[in-house]
PDB file of N, CA and C in Angstrom:
ATOM      1  N   MET A   1     -36.194 -49.049 -20.716  1.00  0.00           N
ATOM      2  CA  MET A   1     -35.557 -50.341 -20.858  1.00  0.00           C
ATOM      3  C   MET A   1     -34.875 -50.719 -19.543  1.00  0.00           C
ATOM      4  N   ASN A   2     -35.026 -51.961 -19.159  1.00  0.00           N
ATOM      5  CA  ASN A   2     -34.311 -52.517 -18.015  1.00  0.00           C
ATOM      6  C   ASN A   2     -33.317 -53.543 -18.531  1.00  0.00           C
ATOM      7  N   LYS A   3     -32.243 -53.727 -17.795  1.00  0.00           N
ATOM      8  CA  LYS A   3     -31.235 -54.711 -18.166  1.00  0.00           C
ATOM      9  C   LYS A   3     -30.986 -55.612 -16.973  1.00  0.00           C
ATOM     10  N   TYR A   4     -30.949 -56.922 -17.251  1.00  0.00           N
ATOM     11  CA  TYR A   4     -30.674 -57.917 -16.229  1.00  0.00           C
ATOM     12  C   TYR A   4     -29.541 -58.808 -16.719  1.00  0.00           C
ATOM     13  N   CYS A   5     -28.676 -59.197 -15.793  1.00  0.00           N
ATOM     14  CA  CYS A   5     -27.593 -60.118 -16.098  1.00  0.00           C
ATOM     15  C   CYS A   5     -27.734 -61.317 -15.169  1.00  0.00           C
ATOM     16  N   LEU A   6     -27.605 -62.503 -15.754  1.00  0.00           N
ATOM     17  CA  LEU A   6     -27.795 -63.735 -14.997  1.00  0.00           C
ATOM     18  C   LEU A   6     -26.677 -64.714 -15.329  1.00  0.00           C
ATOM     19  N   ALA A   7     -26.421 -65.642 -14.418  1.00  0.00           N
ATOM     20  CA  ALA A   7     -25.377 -66.643 -14.634  1.00  0.00           C
ATOM     21  C   ALA A   7     -25.903 -68.032 -14.301  1.00  0.00           C
ATOM     22  N   LEU A   8     -25.297 -69.010 -14.936  1.00  0.00           N
ATOM     23  CA  LEU A   8     -25.644 -70.416 -14.744  1.00  0.00           C
ATOM     24  C   LEU A   8     -24.471 -71.236 -15.244  1.00  0.00           C
ATOM     25  N   ASP A   9     -24.284 -72.416 -14.716  1.00  0.00           N
ATOM     26  CA  ASP A   9     -23.230 -73.310 -15.194  1.00  0.00           C
ATOM     27  C   ASP A   9     -23.832 -74.418 -16.045  1.00  0.00           C
ATOM     28  N   LEU A  10     -23.001 -74.935 -16.934  1.00  0.00           N
ATOM     29  CA  LEU A  10     -23.340 -76.136 -17.686  1.00  0.00           C
ATOM     30  C   LEU A  10     -22.652 -77.321 -17.036  1.00  0.00           C
ATOM     31  N   VAL A  11     -23.175 -78.494 -17.268  1.00  0.00           N
ATOM     32  CA  VAL A  11     -22.474 -79.707 -16.869  1.00  0.00           C
ATOM     33  C   VAL A  11     -21.107 -79.637 -17.550  1.00  0.00           C
ATOM     34  N   ASP A  12     -20.059 -79.867 -16.785  1.00  0.00           N
ATOM     35  CA  ASP A  12     -18.701 -79.610 -17.281  1.00  0.00           C
ATOM     36  C   ASP A  12     -18.128 -80.809 -18.029  1.00  0.00           C
ATOM     37  N   THR A  13     -18.773 -81.124 -19.159  1.00  0.00           N
ATOM     38  CA  THR A  13     -18.232 -82.135 -20.063  1.00  0.00           C
ATOM     39  C   THR A  13     -18.236 -81.536 -21.463  1.00  0.00           C
ATOM     40  N   PRO A  14     -17.281 -81.920 -22.289  1.00  0.00           N
ATOM     41  CA  PRO A  14     -17.269 -81.388 -23.664  1.00  0.00           C
ATOM     42  C   PRO A  14     -18.561 -81.688 -24.414  1.00  0.00           C
ATOM     43  N   GLU A  15     -19.162 -82.844 -24.164  1.00  0.00           N
ATOM     44  CA  GLU A  15     -20.389 -83.221 -24.860  1.00  0.00           C
ATOM     45  C   GLU A  15     -21.567 -82.315 -24.470  1.00  0.00           C
ATOM     46  N   ALA A  16     -21.726 -82.071 -23.184  1.00  0.00           N
ATOM     47  CA  ALA A  16     -22.831 -81.229 -22.722  1.00  0.00           C
ATOM     48  C   ALA A  16     -22.676 -79.802 -23.238  1.00  0.00           C
ATOM     49  N   ILE A  17     -21.469 -79.287 -23.168  1.00  0.00           N
ATOM     50  CA  ILE A  17     -21.211 -77.917 -23.620  1.00  0.00           C
ATOM     51  C   ILE A  17     -21.466 -77.801 -25.120  1.00  0.00           C
ATOM     52  N   ALA A  18     -20.963 -78.753 -25.900  1.00  0.00           N
ATOM     53  CA  ALA A  18     -21.163 -78.720 -27.357  1.00  0.00           C
ATOM     54  C   ALA A  18     -22.648 -78.849 -27.705  1.00  0.00           C
ATOM     55  N   SER A  19     -23.370 -79.710 -27.002  1.00  0.00           N
ATOM     56  CA  SER A  19     -24.799 -79.873 -27.267  1.00  0.00           C
ATOM     57  C   SER A  19     -25.563 -78.590 -26.961  1.00  0.00           C
ATOM     58  N   TYR A  20     -25.269 -77.977 -25.835  1.00  0.00           N
ATOM     59  CA  TYR A  20     -25.935 -76.730 -25.470  1.00  0.00           C
ATOM     60  C   TYR A  20     -25.685 -75.662 -26.533  1.00  0.00           C
ATOM     61  N   ASP A  21     -24.440 -75.536 -26.950  1.00  0.00           N
ATOM     62  CA  ASP A  21     -24.103 -74.559 -27.994  1.00  0.00           C
ATOM     63  C   ASP A  21     -24.867 -74.855 -29.284  1.00  0.00           C
ATOM     64  N   ARG A  22     -24.925 -76.123 -29.678  1.00  0.00           N
ATOM     65  CA  ARG A  22     -25.633 -76.494 -30.912  1.00  0.00           C
ATOM     66  C   ARG A  22     -27.121 -76.151 -30.837  1.00  0.00           C
ATOM     67  N   TRP A  23     -27.749 -76.491 -29.718  1.00  0.00           N
ATOM     68  CA  TRP A  23     -29.179 -76.199 -29.578  1.00  0.00           C
ATOM     69  C   TRP A  23     -29.445 -74.699 -29.682  1.00  0.00           C
ATOM     70  N   HIS A  24     -28.518 -73.900 -29.215  1.00  0.00           N
ATOM     71  CA  HIS A  24     -28.732 -72.448 -29.254  1.00  0.00           C
ATOM     72  C   HIS A  24     -28.433 -71.835 -30.624  1.00  0.00           C
ATOM     73  N   GLN A  25     -28.031 -72.632 -31.558  1.00  0.00           N
ATOM     74  CA  GLN A  25     -27.926 -72.185 -32.949  1.00  0.00           C
ATOM     75  C   GLN A  25     -29.258 -72.351 -33.670  1.00  0.00           C
ATOM     76  N   GLN A  26     -30.193 -73.054 -33.030  1.00  0.00           N
ATOM     77  CA  GLN A  26     -31.494 -73.336 -33.657  1.00  0.00           C
ATOM     78  C   GLN A  26     -32.625 -73.311 -32.631  1.00  0.00           C
ATOM     79  N   VAL A  27     -32.699 -72.244 -31.865  1.00  0.00           N
ATOM     80  CA  VAL A  27     -33.752 -72.134 -30.840  1.00  0.00           C
ATOM     81  C   VAL A  27     -35.111 -72.184 -31.530  1.00  0.00           C
ATOM     82  N   TRP A  28     -36.001 -72.956 -30.956  1.00  0.00           N
ATOM     83  CA  TRP A  28     -37.334 -73.144 -31.533  1.00  0.00           C
ATOM     84  C   TRP A  28     -38.059 -71.800 -31.659  1.00  0.00           C
ATOM     85  N   PRO A  29     -38.744 -71.565 -32.777  1.00  0.00           N
ATOM     86  CA  PRO A  29     -39.455 -70.289 -32.973  1.00  0.00           C
ATOM     87  C   PRO A  29     -40.465 -69.987 -31.868  1.00  0.00           C
ATOM     88  N   GLU A  30     -41.130 -71.001 -31.358  1.00  0.00           N
ATOM     89  CA  GLU A  30     -42.123 -70.777 -30.290  1.00  0.00           C
ATOM     90  C   GLU A  30     -41.454 -70.286 -29.020  1.00  0.00           C
ATOM     91  N   VAL A  31     -40.235 -70.719 -28.775  1.00  0.00           N
ATOM     92  CA  VAL A  31     -39.494 -70.270 -27.590  1.00  0.00           C
ATOM     93  C   VAL A  31     -39.089 -68.814 -27.769  1.00  0.00           C
ATOM     94  N   LEU A  32     -38.602 -68.478 -28.958  1.00  0.00           N
ATOM     95  CA  LEU A  32     -38.250 -67.083 -29.234  1.00  0.00           C
ATOM     96  C   LEU A  32     -39.470 -66.180 -29.093  1.00  0.00           C
ATOM     97  N   GLN A  33     -40.637 -66.649 -29.566  1.00  0.00           N
ATOM     98  CA  GLN A  33     -41.845 -65.850 -29.439  1.00  0.00           C
ATOM     99  C   GLN A  33     -42.247 -65.682 -27.983  1.00  0.00           C
ATOM    100  N   SER A  34     -42.081 -66.725 -27.181  1.00  0.00           N
ATOM    101  CA  SER A  34     -42.431 -66.614 -25.756  1.00  0.00           C
ATOM    102  C   SER A  34     -41.524 -65.613 -25.041  1.00  0.00           C
ATOM    103  N   ILE A  35     -40.270 -65.540 -25.472  1.00  0.00           N
ATOM    104  CA  ILE A  35     -39.341 -64.553 -24.909  1.00  0.00           C
ATOM    105  C   ILE A  35     -39.832 -63.145 -25.240  1.00  0.00           C
ATOM    106  N   ARG A  36     -40.184 -62.926 -26.501  1.00  0.00           N
ATOM    107  CA  ARG A  36     -40.702 -61.609 -26.921  1.00  0.00           C
ATOM    108  C   ARG A  36     -41.985 -61.261 -26.171  1.00  0.00           C
ATOM    109  N   ASP A  37     -42.904 -62.237 -26.096  1.00  0.00           N
ATOM    110  CA  ASP A  37     -44.203 -62.000 -25.461  1.00  0.00           C
ATOM    111  C   ASP A  37     -44.067 -61.615 -23.989  1.00  0.00           C
ATOM    112  N   ALA A  38     -42.997 -62.050 -23.349  1.00  0.00           N
ATOM    113  CA  ALA A  38     -42.781 -61.738 -21.932  1.00  0.00           C
ATOM    114  C   ALA A  38     -42.233 -60.334 -21.726  1.00  0.00           C
ATOM    115  N   GLY A  39     -41.850 -59.667 -22.820  1.00  0.00           N
ATOM    116  CA  GLY A  39     -41.314 -58.313 -22.695  1.00  0.00           C
ATOM    117  C   GLY A  39     -39.799 -58.248 -22.758  1.00  0.00           C
ATOM    118  N   ILE A  40     -39.174 -59.323 -23.196  1.00  0.00           N
ATOM    119  CA  ILE A  40     -37.721 -59.323 -23.371  1.00  0.00           C
ATOM    120  C   ILE A  40     -37.453 -58.867 -24.804  1.00  0.00           C
ATOM    121  N   THR A  41     -36.756 -57.741 -24.933  1.00  0.00           N
ATOM    122  CA  THR A  41     -36.520 -57.160 -26.250  1.00  0.00           C
ATOM    123  C   THR A  41     -35.178 -57.579 -26.840  1.00  0.00           C
ATOM    124  N   ARG A  42     -34.278 -58.011 -25.997  1.00  0.00           N
ATOM    125  CA  ARG A  42     -32.966 -58.476 -26.452  1.00  0.00           C
ATOM    126  C   ARG A  42     -32.433 -59.462 -25.421  1.00  0.00           C
ATOM    127  N   MET A  43     -31.870 -60.567 -25.913  1.00  0.00           N
ATOM    128  CA  MET A  43     -31.267 -61.558 -25.026  1.00  0.00           C
ATOM    129  C   MET A  43     -29.998 -62.068 -25.688  1.00  0.00           C
ATOM    130  N   GLU A  44     -28.938 -62.101 -24.896  1.00  0.00           N
ATOM    131  CA  GLU A  44     -27.666 -62.645 -25.363  1.00  0.00           C
ATOM    132  C   GLU A  44     -27.147 -63.590 -24.292  1.00  0.00           C
ATOM    133  N   ILE A  45     -26.563 -64.709 -24.718  1.00  0.00           N
ATOM    134  CA  ILE A  45     -25.924 -65.635 -23.788  1.00  0.00           C
ATOM    135  C   ILE A  45     -24.480 -65.799 -24.232  1.00  0.00           C
ATOM    136  N   TYR A  46     -23.565 -65.615 -23.297  1.00  0.00           N
ATOM    137  CA  TYR A  46     -22.139 -65.802 -23.529  1.00  0.00           C
ATOM    138  C   TYR A  46     -21.674 -66.977 -22.681  1.00  0.00           C
ATOM    139  N   ARG A  47     -20.604 -67.628 -23.131  1.00  0.00           N
ATOM    140  CA  ARG A  47     -20.068 -68.760 -22.387  1.00  0.00           C
ATOM    141  C   ARG A  47     -18.559 -68.650 -22.308  1.00  0.00           C
ATOM    142  N   THR A  48     -18.018 -68.974 -21.130  1.00  0.00           N
ATOM    143  CA  THR A  48     -16.598 -69.188 -20.953  1.00  0.00           C
ATOM    144  C   THR A  48     -16.466 -70.486 -20.177  1.00  0.00           C
ATOM    145  N   GLY A  49     -15.755 -71.449 -20.748  1.00  0.00           N
ATOM    146  CA  GLY A  49     -15.720 -72.767 -20.123  1.00  0.00           C
ATOM    147  C   GLY A  49     -17.130 -73.293 -20.018  1.00  0.00           C
ATOM    148  N   ASN A  50     -17.537 -73.657 -18.805  1.00  0.00           N
ATOM    149  CA  ASN A  50     -18.912 -74.124 -18.610  1.00  0.00           C
ATOM    150  C   ASN A  50     -19.801 -73.075 -17.930  1.00  0.00           C
ATOM    151  N   ARG A  51     -19.315 -71.854 -17.786  1.00  0.00           N
ATOM    152  CA  ARG A  51     -20.098 -70.770 -17.150  1.00  0.00           C
ATOM    153  C   ARG A  51     -20.830 -69.975 -18.220  1.00  0.00           C
ATOM    154  N   LEU A  52     -22.147 -69.799 -18.028  1.00  0.00           N
ATOM    155  CA  LEU A  52     -22.969 -69.007 -18.923  1.00  0.00           C
ATOM    156  C   LEU A  52     -23.274 -67.655 -18.295  1.00  0.00           C
ATOM    157  N   PHE A  53     -23.378 -66.646 -19.141  1.00  0.00           N
ATOM    158  CA  PHE A  53     -23.707 -65.286 -18.729  1.00  0.00           C
ATOM    159  C   PHE A  53     -24.773 -64.771 -19.688  1.00  0.00           C
ATOM    160  N   MET A  54     -25.938 -64.434 -19.168  1.00  0.00           N
ATOM    161  CA  MET A  54     -27.053 -63.947 -19.983  1.00  0.00           C
ATOM    162  C   MET A  54     -27.284 -62.469 -19.714  1.00  0.00           C
ATOM    163  N   ILE A  55     -27.473 -61.712 -20.793  1.00  0.00           N
ATOM    164  CA  ILE A  55     -27.863 -60.308 -20.697  1.00  0.00           C
ATOM    165  C   ILE A  55     -29.248 -60.196 -21.317  1.00  0.00           C
ATOM    166  N   MET A  56     -30.173 -59.642 -20.567  1.00  0.00           N
ATOM    167  CA  MET A  56     -31.538 -59.427 -21.055  1.00  0.00           C
ATOM    168  C   MET A  56     -31.865 -57.945 -20.981  1.00  0.00           C
ATOM    169  N   GLU A  57     -32.410 -57.420 -22.058  1.00  0.00           N
ATOM    170  CA  GLU A  57     -32.979 -56.085 -22.061  1.00  0.00           C
ATOM    171  C   GLU A  57     -34.482 -56.266 -22.180  1.00  0.00           C
ATOM    172  N   THR A  58     -35.221 -55.531 -21.355  1.00  0.00           N
ATOM    173  CA  THR A  58     -36.663 -55.760 -21.266  1.00  0.00           C
ATOM    174  C   THR A  58     -37.448 -54.456 -21.327  1.00  0.00           C
ATOM    175  N   THR A  59     -38.727 -54.612 -21.552  1.00  0.00           N
ATOM    176  CA  THR A  59     -39.636 -53.478 -21.447  1.00  0.00           C
ATOM    177  C   THR A  59     -39.745 -53.086 -19.974  1.00  0.00           C
ATOM    178  N   PRO A  60     -40.177 -51.858 -19.698  1.00  0.00           N
ATOM    179  CA  PRO A  60     -40.275 -51.419 -18.292  1.00  0.00           C
ATOM    180  C   PRO A  60     -41.208 -52.280 -17.435  1.00  0.00           C
ATOM    181  N   ASP A  61     -42.211 -52.913 -18.054  1.00  0.00           N
ATOM    182  CA  ASP A  61     -43.184 -53.686 -17.273  1.00  0.00           C
ATOM    183  C   ASP A  61     -42.807 -55.168 -17.138  1.00  0.00           C
ATOM    184  N   PHE A  62     -41.617 -55.555 -17.583  1.00  0.00           N
ATOM    185  CA  PHE A  62     -41.191 -56.951 -17.477  1.00  0.00           C
ATOM    186  C   PHE A  62     -41.144 -57.395 -16.028  1.00  0.00           C
ATOM    187  N   SER A  63     -41.537 -58.657 -15.798  1.00  0.00           N
ATOM    188  CA  SER A  63     -41.436 -59.245 -14.461  1.00  0.00           C
ATOM    189  C   SER A  63     -41.040 -60.711 -14.597  1.00  0.00           C
ATOM    190  N   PHE A  64     -40.106 -61.144 -13.744  1.00  0.00           N
ATOM    191  CA  PHE A  64     -39.686 -62.545 -13.753  1.00  0.00           C
ATOM    192  C   PHE A  64     -40.847 -63.457 -13.370  1.00  0.00           C
ATOM    193  N   ALA A  65     -41.698 -63.012 -12.449  1.00  0.00           N
ATOM    194  CA  ALA A  65     -42.850 -63.818 -12.035  1.00  0.00           C
ATOM    195  C   ALA A  65     -43.822 -64.001 -13.198  1.00  0.00           C
ATOM    196  N   ARG A  66     -44.073 -62.946 -13.941  1.00  0.00           N
ATOM    197  CA  ARG A  66     -44.974 -63.041 -15.102  1.00  0.00           C
ATOM    198  C   ARG A  66     -44.369 -63.949 -16.163  1.00  0.00           C
ATOM    199  N   LYS A  67     -43.079 -63.844 -16.402  1.00  0.00           N
ATOM    200  CA  LYS A  67     -42.404 -64.706 -17.385  1.00  0.00           C
ATOM    201  C   LYS A  67     -42.527 -66.168 -16.955  1.00  0.00           C
ATOM    202  N   ALA A  68     -42.314 -66.458 -15.680  1.00  0.00           N
ATOM    203  CA  ALA A  68     -42.420 -67.831 -15.180  1.00  0.00           C
ATOM    204  C   ALA A  68     -43.838 -68.369 -15.360  1.00  0.00           C
ATOM    205  N   ALA A  69     -44.841 -67.542 -15.084  1.00  0.00           N
ATOM    206  CA  ALA A  69     -46.232 -67.967 -15.244  1.00  0.00           C
ATOM    207  C   ALA A  69     -46.558 -68.232 -16.712  1.00  0.00           C
ATOM    208  N   MET A  70     -46.064 -67.372 -17.587  1.00  0.00           N
ATOM    209  CA  MET A  70     -46.284 -67.564 -19.019  1.00  0.00           C
ATOM    210  C   MET A  70     -45.624 -68.856 -19.496  1.00  0.00           C
ATOM    211  N   ASP A  71     -44.401 -69.101 -19.038  1.00  0.00           N
ATOM    212  CA  ASP A  71     -43.694 -70.324 -19.430  1.00  0.00           C
ATOM    213  C   ASP A  71     -44.397 -71.574 -18.909  1.00  0.00           C
ATOM    214  N   ALA A  72     -44.927 -71.497 -17.690  1.00  0.00           N
ATOM    215  CA  ALA A  72     -45.626 -72.647 -17.108  1.00  0.00           C
ATOM    216  C   ALA A  72     -46.861 -73.029 -17.921  1.00  0.00           C
ATOM    217  N   ALA A  73     -47.446 -72.047 -18.603  1.00  0.00           N
ATOM    218  CA  ALA A  73     -48.643 -72.289 -19.405  1.00  0.00           C
ATOM    219  C   ALA A  73     -48.317 -72.599 -20.866  1.00  0.00           C
ATOM    220  N   ASN A  74     -47.032 -72.654 -21.204  1.00  0.00           N
ATOM    221  CA  ASN A  74     -46.610 -72.847 -22.591  1.00  0.00           C
ATOM    222  C   ASN A  74     -45.883 -74.185 -22.713  1.00  0.00           C
ATOM    223  N   GLY A  75     -46.550 -75.167 -23.297  1.00  0.00           N
ATOM    224  CA  GLY A  75     -45.970 -76.511 -23.408  1.00  0.00           C
ATOM    225  C   GLY A  75     -44.658 -76.541 -24.169  1.00  0.00           C
ATOM    226  N   ARG A  76     -44.541 -75.732 -25.205  1.00  0.00           N
ATOM    227  CA  ARG A  76     -43.300 -75.716 -25.995  1.00  0.00           C
ATOM    228  C   ARG A  76     -42.159 -75.112 -25.174  1.00  0.00           C
ATOM    229  N   ALA A  77     -42.422 -74.063 -24.407  1.00  0.00           N
ATOM    230  CA  ALA A  77     -41.400 -73.481 -23.537  1.00  0.00           C
ATOM    231  C   ALA A  77     -40.979 -74.489 -22.468  1.00  0.00           C
ATOM    232  N   GLN A  78     -41.941 -75.240 -21.933  1.00  0.00           N
ATOM    233  CA  GLN A  78     -41.626 -76.266 -20.936  1.00  0.00           C
ATOM    234  C   GLN A  78     -40.768 -77.376 -21.537  1.00  0.00           C
ATOM    235  N   ALA A  79     -41.069 -77.765 -22.767  1.00  0.00           N
ATOM    236  CA  ALA A  79     -40.266 -78.794 -23.435  1.00  0.00           C
ATOM    237  C   ALA A  79     -38.831 -78.309 -23.654  1.00  0.00           C
ATOM    238  N   TRP A  80     -38.677 -77.042 -24.033  1.00  0.00           N
ATOM    239  CA  TRP A  80     -37.341 -76.468 -24.218  1.00  0.00           C
ATOM    240  C   TRP A  80     -36.579 -76.459 -22.893  1.00  0.00           C
ATOM    241  N   GLU A  81     -37.239 -76.029 -21.833  1.00  0.00           N
ATOM    242  CA  GLU A  81     -36.589 -75.975 -20.519  1.00  0.00           C
ATOM    243  C   GLU A  81     -36.167 -77.378 -20.067  1.00  0.00           C
ATOM    244  N   SER A  82     -36.992 -78.366 -20.302  1.00  0.00           N
ATOM    245  CA  SER A  82     -36.638 -79.742 -19.947  1.00  0.00           C
ATOM    246  C   SER A  82     -35.434 -80.223 -20.749  1.00  0.00           C
ATOM    247  N   LEU A  83     -35.411 -79.887 -22.016  1.00  0.00           N
ATOM    248  CA  LEU A  83     -34.285 -80.258 -22.867  1.00  0.00           C
ATOM    249  C   LEU A  83     -32.999 -79.597 -22.383  1.00  0.00           C
ATOM    250  N   MET A  84     -33.053 -78.301 -22.071  1.00  0.00           N
ATOM    251  CA  MET A  84     -31.866 -77.577 -21.631  1.00  0.00           C
ATOM    252  C   MET A  84     -31.403 -78.027 -20.241  1.00  0.00           C
ATOM    253  N   ALA A  85     -32.320 -78.475 -19.411  1.00  0.00           N
ATOM    254  CA  ALA A  85     -31.989 -78.879 -18.040  1.00  0.00           C
ATOM    255  C   ALA A  85     -30.960 -80.000 -17.996  1.00  0.00           C
ATOM    256  N   GLN A  86     -30.924 -80.850 -19.004  1.00  0.00           N
ATOM    257  CA  GLN A  86     -29.954 -81.944 -19.002  1.00  0.00           C
ATOM    258  C   GLN A  86     -28.519 -81.443 -19.158  1.00  0.00           C
ATOM    259  N   PHE A  87     -28.350 -80.222 -19.649  1.00  0.00           N
ATOM    260  CA  PHE A  87     -27.014 -79.660 -19.856  1.00  0.00           C
ATOM    261  C   PHE A  87     -26.624 -78.683 -18.744  1.00  0.00           C
ATOM    262  N   GLN A  88     -27.584 -78.243 -17.957  1.00  0.00           N
ATOM    263  CA  GLN A  88     -27.362 -77.176 -16.988  1.00  0.00           C
ATOM    264  C   GLN A  88     -27.197 -77.717 -15.574  1.00  0.00           C
ATOM    265  N   GLN A  89     -26.443 -76.954 -14.773  1.00  0.00           N
ATOM    266  CA  GLN A  89     -26.332 -77.255 -13.348  1.00  0.00           C
ATOM    267  C   GLN A  89     -26.286 -75.930 -12.596  1.00  0.00           C
ATOM    268  N   PRO A  90     -26.838 -75.895 -11.397  1.00  0.00           N
ATOM    269  CA  PRO A  90     -26.873 -74.628 -10.659  1.00  0.00           C
ATOM    270  C   PRO A  90     -25.474 -74.177 -10.247  1.00  0.00           C
ATOM    271  N   LEU A  91     -25.350 -72.896 -10.061  1.00  0.00           N
ATOM    272  CA  LEU A  91     -24.107 -72.358  -9.513  1.00  0.00           C
ATOM    273  C   LEU A  91     -23.911 -72.919  -8.111  1.00  0.00           C
ATOM    274  N   PRO A  92     -22.667 -73.054  -7.659  1.00  0.00           N
ATOM    275  CA  PRO A  92     -22.414 -73.658  -6.338  1.00  0.00           C
ATOM    276  C   PRO A  92     -23.119 -72.948  -5.189  1.00  0.00           C
ATOM    277  N   PHE A  93     -23.384 -71.661  -5.328  1.00  0.00           N
ATOM    278  CA  PHE A  93     -23.992 -70.875  -4.247  1.00  0.00           C
ATOM    279  C   PHE A  93     -25.473 -70.594  -4.497  1.00  0.00           C
ATOM    280  N   ALA A  94     -26.080 -71.248  -5.484  1.00  0.00           N
ATOM    281  CA  ALA A  94     -27.506 -71.044  -5.782  1.00  0.00           C
ATOM    282  C   ALA A  94     -28.370 -71.701  -4.715  1.00  0.00           C
ATOM    283  N   ALA A  95     -29.532 -71.130  -4.507  1.00  0.00           N
ATOM    284  CA  ALA A  95     -30.505 -71.711  -3.580  1.00  0.00           C
ATOM    285  C   ALA A  95     -31.077 -72.988  -4.197  1.00  0.00           C
ATOM    286  N   PRO A  96     -31.576 -73.903  -3.388  1.00  0.00           N
ATOM    287  CA  PRO A  96     -32.185 -75.120  -3.944  1.00  0.00           C
ATOM    288  C   PRO A  96     -33.279 -74.772  -4.959  1.00  0.00           C
ATOM    289  N   GLY A  97     -33.223 -75.397  -6.113  1.00  0.00           N
ATOM    290  CA  GLY A  97     -34.194 -75.154  -7.171  1.00  0.00           C
ATOM    291  C   GLY A  97     -33.925 -73.922  -8.021  1.00  0.00           C
ATOM    292  N   GLU A  98     -32.937 -73.143  -7.660  1.00  0.00           N
ATOM    293  CA  GLU A  98     -32.622 -71.931  -8.418  1.00  0.00           C
ATOM    294  C   GLU A  98     -31.761 -72.289  -9.618  1.00  0.00           C
ATOM    295  N   LYS A  99     -32.143 -71.778 -10.766  1.00  0.00           N
ATOM    296  CA  LYS A  99     -31.443 -72.083 -11.998  1.00  0.00           C
ATOM    297  C   LYS A  99     -30.592 -70.873 -12.377  1.00  0.00           C
ATOM    298  N   TRP A 100     -31.062 -70.035 -13.273  1.00  0.00           N
ATOM    299  CA  TRP A 100     -30.326 -68.821 -13.614  1.00  0.00           C
ATOM    300  C   TRP A 100     -30.279 -67.916 -12.387  1.00  0.00           C
ATOM    301  N   LYS A 101     -29.108 -67.455 -12.041  1.00  0.00           N
ATOM    302  CA  LYS A 101     -28.900 -66.623 -10.845  1.00  0.00           C
ATOM    303  C   LYS A 101     -28.729 -65.171 -11.276  1.00  0.00           C
ATOM    304  N   LEU A 102     -29.595 -64.301 -10.774  1.00  0.00           N
ATOM    305  CA  LEU A 102     -29.519 -62.879 -11.071  1.00  0.00           C
ATOM    306  C   LEU A 102     -28.225 -62.314 -10.503  1.00  0.00           C
ATOM    307  N   MET A 103     -27.504 -61.557 -11.324  1.00  0.00           N
ATOM    308  CA  MET A 103     -26.227 -60.990 -10.899  1.00  0.00           C
ATOM    309  C   MET A 103     -26.432 -59.556 -10.421  1.00  0.00           C
ATOM    310  N   GLU A 104     -25.559 -59.120  -9.541  1.00  0.00           N
ATOM    311  CA  GLU A 104     -25.590 -57.755  -9.016  1.00  0.00           C
ATOM    312  C   GLU A 104     -24.510 -56.930  -9.721  1.00  0.00           C
ATOM    313  N   GLN A 105     -24.887 -55.767 -10.197  1.00  0.00           N
ATOM    314  CA  GLN A 105     -23.912 -54.886 -10.835  1.00  0.00           C
ATOM    315  C   GLN A 105     -22.977 -54.314  -9.769  1.00  0.00           C
ATOM    316  N   VAL A 106     -21.681 -54.410 -10.015  1.00  0.00           N
ATOM    317  CA  VAL A 106     -20.700 -53.865  -9.074  1.00  0.00           C
ATOM    318  C   VAL A 106     -19.882 -52.739  -9.673  1.00  0.00           C
ATOM    319  N   PHE A 107     -20.023 -52.498 -10.987  1.00  0.00           N
ATOM    320  CA  PHE A 107     -19.289 -51.423 -11.631  1.00  0.00           C
ATOM    321  C   PHE A 107     -19.969 -51.043 -12.935  1.00  0.00           C
ATOM    322  N   ALA A 108     -19.962 -49.781 -13.248  1.00  0.00           N
ATOM    323  CA  ALA A 108     -20.465 -49.282 -14.533  1.00  0.00           C
ATOM    324  C   ALA A 108     -19.630 -48.086 -14.942  1.00  0.00           C
ATOM    325  N   PHE A 109     -19.367 -47.942 -16.207  1.00  0.00           N
ATOM    326  CA  PHE A 109     -18.585 -46.834 -16.716  1.00  0.00           C
ATOM    327  C   PHE A 109     -19.322 -46.212 -17.879  1.00  0.00           C
TER     328      PHE A 109
END
């Protein structure tokens, strides 16, 4: 099992934050299946204010490039990403076009 942690910000308005939270109470089944098919065995998203923190546990053969290619070929996953994009904004230090930012582990106990 591999574990990845990622961060992203939401548009900092009560409406955007509430909408994002609501949508994640009813994630489309096809999106959940695409997550599984990519080798993600567990995914959790936490929020504080408008900052999101995602924890992903994956199979050993998981790859972000393969997941991106699978999503690009999946119309329902693309529709979900477009819907979520209206609520999301990149972190201030993200590269142009970068959405979820992979975090570096600095401590483990």
